């Protein structure tokens, strides 16, 4: 399901943007620049909604963005959308089982050194993906 909520972007004194969601109490994030703030807003929205779903909390209806007063200097509103199925797929920590083959000598040497094969594979994949 895709959710769309208005977000309030305010220029931060130290630079960048502070982002809040008027309809979602406690949904707050920030970014050093507009690109990062937009990314962080989407991530914040997804995390907030996922927590609501997991806790079986009621997800508030989003306000119409046109219902907000004209923002003061340094503030603007933007709609932020998140596809929850895609968000959960990307952020899920649920492990999956993989079968792979390595040379016997490497297996013996790695086991002798106490290598955690799963951790090595996770680390290697996270560097290339």
C-alpha atoms as a PDB file:
ATOM      1  CA  UNK A   1       0.000   0.000   0.000  1.00  0.00           C
ATOM      2  CA  UNK A   2       1.249   3.487  -0.853  1.00  0.00           C
ATOM      3  CA  UNK A   3       0.837   6.237   1.728  1.00  0.00           C
ATOM      4  CA  UNK A   4       1.178   9.959   1.016  1.00  0.00           C
ATOM      5  CA  UNK A   5       1.570  12.522   3.807  1.00  0.00           C
ATOM      6  CA  UNK A   6       2.383  16.223   3.891  1.00  0.00           C
ATOM      7  CA  UNK A   7       5.725  17.055   5.472  1.00  0.00           C
ATOM      8  CA  UNK A   8       6.873  20.400   6.831  1.00  0.00           C
ATOM      9  CA  UNK A   9      10.422  21.389   5.874  1.00  0.00           C
ATOM     10  CA  UNK A  10      12.050  24.166   7.861  1.00  0.00           C
ATOM     11  CA  UNK A  11      15.481  25.608   7.209  1.00  0.00           C
ATOM     12  CA  UNK A  12      17.694  24.777  10.184  1.00  0.00           C
ATOM     13  CA  UNK A  13      19.868  27.480  11.749  1.00  0.00           C
ATOM     14  CA  UNK A  14      22.974  25.331  11.331  1.00  0.00           C
ATOM     15  CA  UNK A  15      22.051  24.555   7.711  1.00  0.00           C
ATOM     16  CA  UNK A  16      20.004  21.833   6.138  1.00  0.00           C
ATOM     17  CA  UNK A  17      16.382  21.123   6.977  1.00  0.00           C
ATOM     18  CA  UNK A  18      14.293  19.900   9.883  1.00  0.00           C
ATOM     19  CA  UNK A  19      11.337  17.791   8.750  1.00  0.00           C
ATOM     20  CA  UNK A  20       8.139  17.056  10.651  1.00  0.00           C
ATOM     21  CA  UNK A  21       4.855  15.419   9.721  1.00  0.00           C
ATOM     22  CA  UNK A  22       1.900  17.418  11.082  1.00  0.00           C
ATOM     23  CA  UNK A  23      -0.349  14.321  11.110  1.00  0.00           C
ATOM     24  CA  UNK A  24       2.170  11.986  12.763  1.00  0.00           C
ATOM     25  CA  UNK A  25       3.169  12.964  16.301  1.00  0.00           C
ATOM     26  CA  UNK A  26       6.853  12.322  16.878  1.00  0.00           C
ATOM     27  CA  UNK A  27       7.746  11.712  13.225  1.00  0.00           C
ATOM     28  CA  UNK A  28      10.759  14.021  13.002  1.00  0.00           C
ATOM     29  CA  UNK A  29      13.915  13.881  10.912  1.00  0.00           C
ATOM     30  CA  UNK A  30      16.477  16.140   9.265  1.00  0.00           C
ATOM     31  CA  UNK A  31      18.881  16.381   6.376  1.00  0.00           C
ATOM     32  CA  UNK A  32      22.050  18.325   5.627  1.00  0.00           C
ATOM     33  CA  UNK A  33      20.622  19.410   2.257  1.00  0.00           C
ATOM     34  CA  UNK A  34      17.302  19.169   0.441  1.00  0.00           C
ATOM     35  CA  UNK A  35      18.121  15.860  -1.266  1.00  0.00           C
ATOM     36  CA  UNK A  36      19.063  14.216   2.025  1.00  0.00           C
ATOM     37  CA  UNK A  37      16.080  15.769   3.819  1.00  0.00           C
ATOM     38  CA  UNK A  38      13.687  14.353   1.197  1.00  0.00           C
ATOM     39  CA  UNK A  39      15.282  10.905   1.493  1.00  0.00           C
ATOM     40  CA  UNK A  40      15.184  11.043   5.287  1.00  0.00           C
ATOM     41  CA  UNK A  41      11.549  12.187   5.217  1.00  0.00           C
ATOM     42  CA  UNK A  42      10.562   9.140   3.174  1.00  0.00           C
ATOM     43  CA  UNK A  43      12.571   6.866   5.468  1.00  0.00           C
ATOM     44  CA  UNK A  44      11.000   8.470   8.553  1.00  0.00           C
ATOM     45  CA  UNK A  45       7.504   8.082   7.125  1.00  0.00           C
ATOM     46  CA  UNK A  46       8.092   4.430   6.278  1.00  0.00           C
ATOM     47  CA  UNK A  47       9.537   3.657   9.700  1.00  0.00           C
ATOM     48  CA  UNK A  48       6.720   5.440  11.504  1.00  0.00           C
ATOM     49  CA  UNK A  49       3.999   3.648   9.541  1.00  0.00           C
ATOM     50  CA  UNK A  50       5.725   0.275   9.913  1.00  0.00           C
ATOM     51  CA  UNK A  51       5.817   0.771  13.698  1.00  0.00           C
ATOM     52  CA  UNK A  52       2.114   1.669  13.655  1.00  0.00           C
ATOM     53  CA  UNK A  53       1.336  -1.483  11.689  1.00  0.00           C
ATOM     54  CA  UNK A  54       3.452  -3.693  13.970  1.00  0.00           C
ATOM     55  CA  UNK A  55       1.838  -2.198  17.091  1.00  0.00           C
ATOM     56  CA  UNK A  56      -1.611  -2.424  15.500  1.00  0.00           C
ATOM     57  CA  UNK A  57      -2.042   1.307  16.085  1.00  0.00           C
ATOM     58  CA  UNK A  58      -4.492   3.278  14.008  1.00  0.00           C
ATOM     59  CA  UNK A  59      -2.739   5.064  11.165  1.00  0.00           C
ATOM     60  CA  UNK A  60      -3.986   8.655  11.037  1.00  0.00           C
ATOM     61  CA  UNK A  61      -5.484   9.976   7.826  1.00  0.00           C
ATOM     62  CA  UNK A  62      -3.246  12.455   6.044  1.00  0.00           C
ATOM     63  CA  UNK A  63      -4.306  16.081   5.915  1.00  0.00           C
ATOM     64  CA  UNK A  64      -4.919  17.805   2.625  1.00  0.00           C
ATOM     65  CA  UNK A  65      -1.745  19.775   1.939  1.00  0.00           C
ATOM     66  CA  UNK A  66      -3.838  22.777   0.904  1.00  0.00           C
ATOM     67  CA  UNK A  67      -5.309  22.966   4.415  1.00  0.00           C
ATOM     68  CA  UNK A  68      -2.070  24.339   5.862  1.00  0.00           C
ATOM     69  CA  UNK A  69      -1.612  28.081   6.203  1.00  0.00           C
ATOM     70  CA  UNK A  70       0.887  29.719   3.911  1.00  0.00           C
ATOM     71  CA  UNK A  71       4.231  28.931   5.483  1.00  0.00           C
ATOM     72  CA  UNK A  72       6.488  31.543   6.988  1.00  0.00           C
ATOM     73  CA  UNK A  73       9.912  32.360   5.582  1.00  0.00           C
ATOM     74  CA  UNK A  74      12.220  29.328   5.511  1.00  0.00           C
ATOM     75  CA  UNK A  75       9.356  26.814   5.615  1.00  0.00           C
ATOM     76  CA  UNK A  76       7.663  24.819   2.882  1.00  0.00           C
ATOM     77  CA  UNK A  77       5.413  21.777   2.670  1.00  0.00           C
ATOM     78  CA  UNK A  78       5.856  18.823   0.371  1.00  0.00           C
ATOM     79  CA  UNK A  79       4.028  15.549  -0.108  1.00  0.00           C
ATOM     80  CA  UNK A  80       6.074  12.487   0.822  1.00  0.00           C
ATOM     81  CA  UNK A  81       5.064   9.046  -0.396  1.00  0.00           C
ATOM     82  CA  UNK A  82       6.164   5.597   0.645  1.00  0.00           C
ATOM     83  CA  UNK A  83       5.268   2.203  -0.792  1.00  0.00           C
ATOM     84  CA  UNK A  84       5.144   0.091   2.370  1.00  0.00           C
ATOM     85  CA  UNK A  85       5.620  -3.238   0.590  1.00  0.00           C
ATOM     86  CA  UNK A  86       8.801  -1.939  -1.030  1.00  0.00           C
ATOM     87  CA  UNK A  87       9.941  -0.204   2.175  1.00  0.00           C
ATOM     88  CA  UNK A  88       9.560  -3.409   4.182  1.00  0.00           C
ATOM     89  CA  UNK A  89      11.324  -5.433   1.503  1.00  0.00           C
ATOM     90  CA  UNK A  90      14.312  -3.085   1.534  1.00  0.00           C
ATOM     91  CA  UNK A  91      14.514  -2.669   5.316  1.00  0.00           C
ATOM     92  CA  UNK A  92      13.645  -6.180   6.423  1.00  0.00           C
ATOM     93  CA  UNK A  93      16.318  -7.862   8.514  1.00  0.00           C
ATOM     94  CA  UNK A  94      14.760 -11.291   8.130  1.00  0.00           C
ATOM     95  CA  UNK A  95      17.539 -13.657   7.067  1.00  0.00           C
ATOM     96  CA  UNK A  96      17.230 -16.009   4.121  1.00  0.00           C
ATOM     97  CA  UNK A  97      19.100 -19.268   3.790  1.00  0.00           C
ATOM     98  CA  UNK A  98      21.680 -19.562   0.993  1.00  0.00           C
ATOM     99  CA  UNK A  99      23.632 -22.625  -0.006  1.00  0.00           C
ATOM    100  CA  UNK A 100      27.014 -22.041  -1.577  1.00  0.00           C
ATOM    101  CA  UNK A 101      30.186 -23.915  -2.347  1.00  0.00           C
ATOM    102  CA  UNK A 102      33.768 -22.941  -1.514  1.00  0.00           C
ATOM    103  CA  UNK A 103      37.016 -24.858  -1.924  1.00  0.00           C
ATOM    104  CA  UNK A 104      37.642 -27.364   0.866  1.00  0.00           C
ATOM    105  CA  UNK A 105      40.997 -25.853   1.832  1.00  0.00           C
ATOM    106  CA  UNK A 106      39.384 -22.417   2.346  1.00  0.00           C
ATOM    107  CA  UNK A 107      36.667 -23.953   4.473  1.00  0.00           C
ATOM    108  CA  UNK A 108      39.228 -25.727   6.674  1.00  0.00           C
ATOM    109  CA  UNK A 109      41.389 -22.621   7.090  1.00  0.00           C
ATOM    110  CA  UNK A 110      38.405 -20.394   7.837  1.00  0.00           C
ATOM    111  CA  UNK A 111      36.952 -22.827  10.373  1.00  0.00           C
ATOM    112  CA  UNK A 112      40.357 -23.088  12.080  1.00  0.00           C
ATOM    113  CA  UNK A 113      40.311 -19.286  12.487  1.00  0.00           C
ATOM    114  CA  UNK A 114      36.716 -19.228  13.729  1.00  0.00           C
ATOM    115  CA  UNK A 115      35.393 -17.278  10.745  1.00  0.00           C
ATOM    116  CA  UNK A 116      31.669 -16.495  10.794  1.00  0.00           C
ATOM    117  CA  UNK A 117      30.767 -17.339   7.194  1.00  0.00           C
ATOM    118  CA  UNK A 118      27.407 -15.568   7.307  1.00  0.00           C
ATOM    119  CA  UNK A 119      28.976 -12.356   8.594  1.00  0.00           C
ATOM    120  CA  UNK A 120      31.714 -12.434   5.934  1.00  0.00           C
ATOM    121  CA  UNK A 121      29.130 -12.865   3.188  1.00  0.00           C
ATOM    122  CA  UNK A 122      26.876 -10.103   4.614  1.00  0.00           C
ATOM    123  CA  UNK A 123      29.832  -7.715   4.878  1.00  0.00           C
ATOM    124  CA  UNK A 124      31.018  -8.471   1.348  1.00  0.00           C
ATOM    125  CA  UNK A 125      27.558  -8.115  -0.178  1.00  0.00           C
ATOM    126  CA  UNK A 126      26.862  -4.857   1.640  1.00  0.00           C
ATOM    127  CA  UNK A 127      30.027  -3.369   0.099  1.00  0.00           C
ATOM    128  CA  UNK A 128      28.980  -4.172  -3.472  1.00  0.00           C
ATOM    129  CA  UNK A 129      25.216  -3.688  -3.356  1.00  0.00           C
END
